[in-house]
Amino acid sequence: MGKGPEKNTKNKALHTKLLNRKKAKLQEEKKEKAMRLKALVAKINLQKNSEQE
């Protein structure tokens, strides 16, 4: 019984690299969106506080 054809580890490594890059990009976008929302909420809260006084 043979072991079968060799695995193409080069393509697998490139694919993994691309997927990791995609995951990192998505995480970065998620962080940026959260920061924008925090800034927006803080701005709105300041406006509310200034209106109440």
N, C-alpha and C. Protein backbone atom coordinates (compact mmCIF):
# COMPACT_ATOMS: atom_id res chain seq x y z
N MET A 1 0.83 -1.18 0.00
CA MET A 1 0.00 0.00 0.00
C MET A 1 0.88 1.25 0.00
N GLY A 2 0.60 2.16 -0.90
CA GLY A 2 1.35 3.40 -0.99
C GLY A 2 0.78 4.45 -0.04
N LYS A 3 1.56 5.44 0.16
CA LYS A 3 1.11 6.52 1.05
C LYS A 3 0.22 7.52 0.32
N GLY A 4 0.19 7.46 -0.98
CA GLY A 4 -0.62 8.39 -1.74
C GLY A 4 0.22 9.57 -2.20
N PRO A 5 -0.41 10.51 -2.87
CA PRO A 5 0.35 11.65 -3.39
C PRO A 5 0.85 12.56 -2.26
N GLU A 6 1.94 13.29 -2.55
CA GLU A 6 2.45 14.24 -1.56
C GLU A 6 1.46 15.37 -1.38
N LYS A 7 1.43 15.90 -0.18
CA LYS A 7 0.54 17.02 0.09
C LYS A 7 1.20 18.31 -0.38
N ASN A 8 0.39 19.21 -0.84
CA ASN A 8 0.90 20.49 -1.31
C ASN A 8 0.89 21.46 -0.12
N THR A 9 1.95 21.43 0.66
CA THR A 9 1.99 22.25 1.87
C THR A 9 2.25 23.71 1.55
N LYS A 10 2.82 23.99 0.38
CA LYS A 10 3.10 25.39 0.02
C LYS A 10 1.80 26.17 -0.14
N ASN A 11 0.86 25.61 -0.89
CA ASN A 11 -0.44 26.28 -1.07
C ASN A 11 -1.18 26.39 0.26
N LYS A 12 -1.07 25.34 1.07
CA LYS A 12 -1.74 25.35 2.37
C LYS A 12 -1.20 26.47 3.25
N ALA A 13 0.13 26.66 3.22
CA ALA A 13 0.76 27.72 4.01
C ALA A 13 0.32 29.09 3.51
N LEU A 14 0.25 29.26 2.19
CA LEU A 14 -0.18 30.55 1.64
C LEU A 14 -1.63 30.83 2.01
N HIS A 15 -2.45 29.79 1.93
CA HIS A 15 -3.86 29.95 2.26
C HIS A 15 -4.03 30.36 3.73
N THR A 16 -3.27 29.70 4.60
CA THR A 16 -3.33 30.03 6.02
C THR A 16 -2.90 31.47 6.26
N LYS A 17 -1.85 31.88 5.56
CA LYS A 17 -1.35 33.25 5.69
C LYS A 17 -2.43 34.25 5.29
N LEU A 18 -3.11 33.96 4.17
CA LEU A 18 -4.17 34.86 3.69
C LEU A 18 -5.33 34.90 4.68
N LEU A 19 -5.70 33.74 5.21
CA LEU A 19 -6.80 33.71 6.17
C LEU A 19 -6.45 34.47 7.43
N ASN A 20 -5.22 34.32 7.90
CA ASN A 20 -4.79 35.06 9.09
C ASN A 20 -4.81 36.56 8.85
N ARG A 21 -4.40 36.96 7.64
CA ARG A 21 -4.42 38.38 7.30
C ARG A 21 -5.85 38.90 7.29
N LYS A 22 -6.76 38.09 6.75
CA LYS A 22 -8.18 38.48 6.69
C LYS A 22 -8.76 38.61 8.10
N LYS A 23 -8.44 37.64 8.97
CA LYS A 23 -8.93 37.70 10.35
C LYS A 23 -8.41 38.93 11.07
N ALA A 24 -7.13 39.24 10.87
CA ALA A 24 -6.52 40.41 11.52
C ALA A 24 -7.20 41.69 11.04
N LYS A 25 -7.49 41.75 9.74
CA LYS A 25 -8.14 42.93 9.18
C LYS A 25 -9.54 43.10 9.77
N LEU A 26 -10.28 42.01 9.89
CA LEU A 26 -11.62 42.08 10.45
C LEU A 26 -11.58 42.52 11.91
N GLN A 27 -10.61 42.00 12.68
CA GLN A 27 -10.48 42.41 14.08
C GLN A 27 -10.15 43.89 14.19
N GLU A 28 -9.27 44.37 13.33
CA GLU A 28 -8.89 45.78 13.34
C GLU A 28 -10.10 46.66 13.02
N GLU A 29 -10.87 46.26 12.02
CA GLU A 29 -12.07 47.02 11.66
C GLU A 29 -13.06 47.03 12.81
N LYS A 30 -13.19 45.91 13.51
CA LYS A 30 -14.10 45.82 14.64
C LYS A 30 -13.67 46.77 15.77
N LYS A 31 -12.35 46.82 16.02
CA LYS A 31 -11.83 47.73 17.05
C LYS A 31 -12.08 49.18 16.68
N GLU A 32 -11.82 49.51 15.41
CA GLU A 32 -12.01 50.89 14.95
C GLU A 32 -13.48 51.30 15.07
N LYS A 33 -14.38 50.39 14.72
CA LYS A 33 -15.81 50.68 14.81
C LYS A 33 -16.20 50.92 16.26
N ALA A 34 -15.68 50.10 17.18
CA ALA A 34 -15.99 50.26 18.59
C ALA A 34 -15.46 51.59 19.11
N MET A 35 -14.27 51.98 18.68
CA MET A 35 -13.71 53.26 19.12
C MET A 35 -14.53 54.43 18.60
N ARG A 36 -14.98 54.33 17.34
CA ARG A 36 -15.82 55.40 16.79
C ARG A 36 -17.12 55.52 17.57
N LEU A 37 -17.71 54.36 17.90
CA LEU A 37 -18.95 54.39 18.68
C LEU A 37 -18.73 55.00 20.05
N LYS A 38 -17.62 54.65 20.71
CA LYS A 38 -17.31 55.22 22.02
C LYS A 38 -17.19 56.73 21.93
N ALA A 39 -16.48 57.20 20.91
CA ALA A 39 -16.29 58.64 20.73
C ALA A 39 -17.63 59.34 20.49
N LEU A 40 -18.47 58.70 19.69
CA LEU A 40 -19.78 59.28 19.40
C LEU A 40 -20.64 59.35 20.65
N VAL A 41 -20.64 58.28 21.43
CA VAL A 41 -21.43 58.25 22.67
C VAL A 41 -20.92 59.31 23.64
N ALA A 42 -19.61 59.45 23.74
CA ALA A 42 -19.04 60.46 24.64
C ALA A 42 -19.45 61.86 24.19
N LYS A 43 -19.42 62.11 22.89
CA LYS A 43 -19.81 63.42 22.35
C LYS A 43 -21.28 63.71 22.65
N ILE A 44 -22.13 62.72 22.45
CA ILE A 44 -23.56 62.90 22.71
C ILE A 44 -23.80 63.16 24.19
N ASN A 45 -23.09 62.41 25.05
CA ASN A 45 -23.24 62.61 26.49
C ASN A 45 -22.81 64.01 26.90
N LEU A 46 -21.74 64.53 26.31
CA LEU A 46 -21.30 65.89 26.61
C LEU A 46 -22.37 66.90 26.18
N GLN A 47 -22.97 66.67 25.03
CA GLN A 47 -24.02 67.58 24.56
C GLN A 47 -25.22 67.55 25.49
N LYS A 48 -25.60 66.35 25.94
CA LYS A 48 -26.73 66.22 26.86
C LYS A 48 -26.43 66.94 28.18
N ASN A 49 -25.22 66.76 28.68
CA ASN A 49 -24.85 67.41 29.94
C ASN A 49 -24.85 68.93 29.80
N SER A 50 -24.39 69.45 28.69
CA SER A 50 -24.36 70.90 28.50
C SER A 50 -25.78 71.46 28.33
N GLU A 51 -26.66 70.67 27.75
CA GLU A 51 -28.05 71.13 27.59
C GLU A 51 -28.78 71.14 28.92
N GLN A 52 -28.47 70.21 29.79
CA GLN A 52 -29.17 70.11 31.07
C GLN A 52 -28.77 71.23 32.03
N GLU A 53 -27.55 71.73 31.90
CA GLU A 53 -27.08 72.76 32.83
C GLU A 53 -27.62 74.11 32.52
